[in-house]
């Protein structure tokens, strides 16, 4: 994303859509993380079971589980990161809504004051 795109004011719909996309990505990464955890458990169980009969295969399975563990941590990190980004956008959306409400109430006060003078 270029600097100009970051400075461009997004519409409320664009912000809502960004929140939805970020939350969907976070959920996708969380699901990947949970699936990896189950697969890690299966690989480790299979590794322990095969150790007496085939130590080489058991070691290979254990290493595969360790690599998957690192990937799983990354998926969890990405999930949390996307959820936090969605929270930041939601916070900006809330602030913008409050500012717009203040702007509208200021306009109403101006009209009321001017109406009182007439």
Protein backbone atom coordinates (compact mmCIF):
# COMPACT_ATOMS: atom_id res chain seq x y z
CA UNK A 1 0.00 0.00 0.00
CA UNK A 2 1.48 3.34 -1.04
CA UNK A 3 1.60 6.40 1.17
CA UNK A 4 -1.12 8.10 -0.89
CA UNK A 5 -3.49 5.15 -0.41
CA UNK A 6 -2.93 5.25 3.35
CA UNK A 7 -3.75 8.98 3.47
CA UNK A 8 -6.90 8.70 1.37
CA UNK A 9 -10.07 8.98 3.43
CA UNK A 10 -12.04 5.75 3.20
CA UNK A 11 -15.80 5.68 3.08
CA UNK A 12 -17.73 4.10 5.92
CA UNK A 13 -18.66 1.19 3.63
CA UNK A 14 -15.00 0.66 2.70
CA UNK A 15 -14.06 0.62 6.37
CA UNK A 16 -16.82 -1.88 7.20
CA UNK A 17 -15.73 -4.07 4.29
CA UNK A 18 -12.11 -3.89 5.48
CA UNK A 19 -13.21 -5.01 8.96
CA UNK A 20 -15.12 -7.96 7.49
CA UNK A 21 -12.15 -9.01 5.35
CA UNK A 22 -9.72 -8.77 8.25
CA UNK A 23 -11.99 -10.77 10.54
CA UNK A 24 -12.48 -13.41 7.82
CA UNK A 25 -8.71 -13.70 7.40
CA UNK A 26 -8.26 -13.95 11.16
CA UNK A 27 -10.83 -16.75 11.34
CA UNK A 28 -9.19 -18.58 8.42
CA UNK A 29 -5.79 -18.46 10.13
CA UNK A 30 -7.30 -19.56 13.44
CA UNK A 31 -8.90 -22.58 11.74
CA UNK A 32 -5.57 -23.43 10.07
CA UNK A 33 -3.89 -23.19 13.48
CA UNK A 34 -6.41 -25.52 15.12
CA UNK A 35 -6.18 -28.05 12.27
CA UNK A 36 -2.40 -28.00 12.53
CA UNK A 37 -2.59 -28.64 16.28
CA UNK A 38 -4.66 -31.77 15.68
CA UNK A 39 -2.27 -32.93 12.97
CA UNK A 40 0.71 -32.30 15.28
CA UNK A 41 -0.90 -34.44 17.95
CA UNK A 42 -1.48 -37.25 15.44
CA UNK A 43 2.09 -37.06 14.14
CA UNK A 44 3.57 -37.15 17.63
CA UNK A 45 1.35 -40.05 18.64
CA UNK A 46 2.35 -41.96 15.52
CA UNK A 47 6.00 -41.12 16.19
CA UNK A 48 5.83 -42.50 19.73
CA UNK A 49 4.00 -45.62 18.54
CA UNK A 50 6.49 -46.32 15.76
CA UNK A 51 9.65 -45.61 17.82
CA UNK A 52 10.23 -49.26 18.93
CA UNK A 53 9.78 -50.63 15.39
CA UNK A 54 11.17 -47.90 13.15
CA UNK A 55 13.21 -45.23 14.97
CA UNK A 56 14.10 -43.43 11.72
CA UNK A 57 10.45 -43.04 10.74
CA UNK A 58 9.60 -41.95 14.29
CA UNK A 59 12.27 -39.25 14.16
CA UNK A 60 11.02 -38.07 10.76
CA UNK A 61 7.45 -37.86 12.06
CA UNK A 62 8.58 -35.95 15.14
CA UNK A 63 10.52 -33.43 13.02
CA UNK A 64 7.52 -33.01 10.75
CA UNK A 65 5.40 -32.27 13.82
CA UNK A 66 7.97 -29.70 15.00
CA UNK A 67 7.95 -27.94 11.61
CA UNK A 68 4.16 -27.93 11.63
CA UNK A 69 4.28 -26.48 15.16
CA UNK A 70 6.27 -23.50 13.86
CA UNK A 71 3.79 -22.99 11.01
CA UNK A 72 0.93 -23.27 13.47
CA UNK A 73 2.40 -20.53 15.65
CA UNK A 74 2.71 -18.30 12.61
CA UNK A 75 -0.95 -18.91 11.71
CA UNK A 76 -1.97 -18.03 15.25
CA UNK A 77 0.18 -14.88 15.14
CA UNK A 78 -1.41 -13.87 11.83
CA UNK A 79 -4.88 -14.53 13.23
CA UNK A 80 -4.27 -12.28 16.21
CA UNK A 81 -2.65 -9.62 14.02
CA UNK A 82 -5.64 -9.53 11.64
CA UNK A 83 -8.08 -9.38 14.56
CA UNK A 84 -6.13 -6.46 16.05
CA UNK A 85 -6.09 -4.66 12.70
CA UNK A 86 -9.86 -5.14 12.45
CA UNK A 87 -10.18 -3.69 15.96
CA UNK A 88 -8.13 -0.65 14.95
CA UNK A 89 -10.29 -0.03 11.87
CA UNK A 90 -13.44 -0.48 13.99
CA UNK A 91 -12.08 2.05 16.49
CA UNK A 92 -11.43 4.56 13.66
CA UNK A 93 -14.93 3.89 12.34
CA UNK A 94 -16.43 4.55 15.79
CA UNK A 95 -14.43 7.77 16.19
CA UNK A 96 -15.50 8.95 12.75
CA UNK A 97 -19.14 8.25 13.59
CA UNK A 98 -18.77 10.29 16.80
CA UNK A 99 -17.16 13.18 14.93
CA UNK A 100 -19.94 13.17 12.35
CA UNK A 101 -22.53 13.17 15.14
CA UNK A 102 -20.80 16.16 16.75
CA UNK A 103 -20.67 17.98 13.40
CA UNK A 104 -24.41 17.42 12.94
CA UNK A 105 -25.24 18.63 16.45
CA UNK A 106 -23.06 21.74 15.95
CA UNK A 107 -25.00 22.55 12.78
CA UNK A 108 -28.31 22.13 14.63
CA UNK A 109 -27.11 24.49 17.38
CA UNK A 110 -26.08 27.08 14.81
CA UNK A 111 -29.51 26.88 13.16
CA UNK A 112 -31.24 27.14 16.54
CA UNK A 113 -29.20 30.16 17.53
CA UNK A 114 -29.81 31.86 14.18
CA UNK A 115 -33.53 31.06 14.38
CA UNK A 116 -33.67 32.67 17.82
CA UNK A 117 -32.18 35.90 16.45
CA UNK A 118 -34.73 36.23 13.68
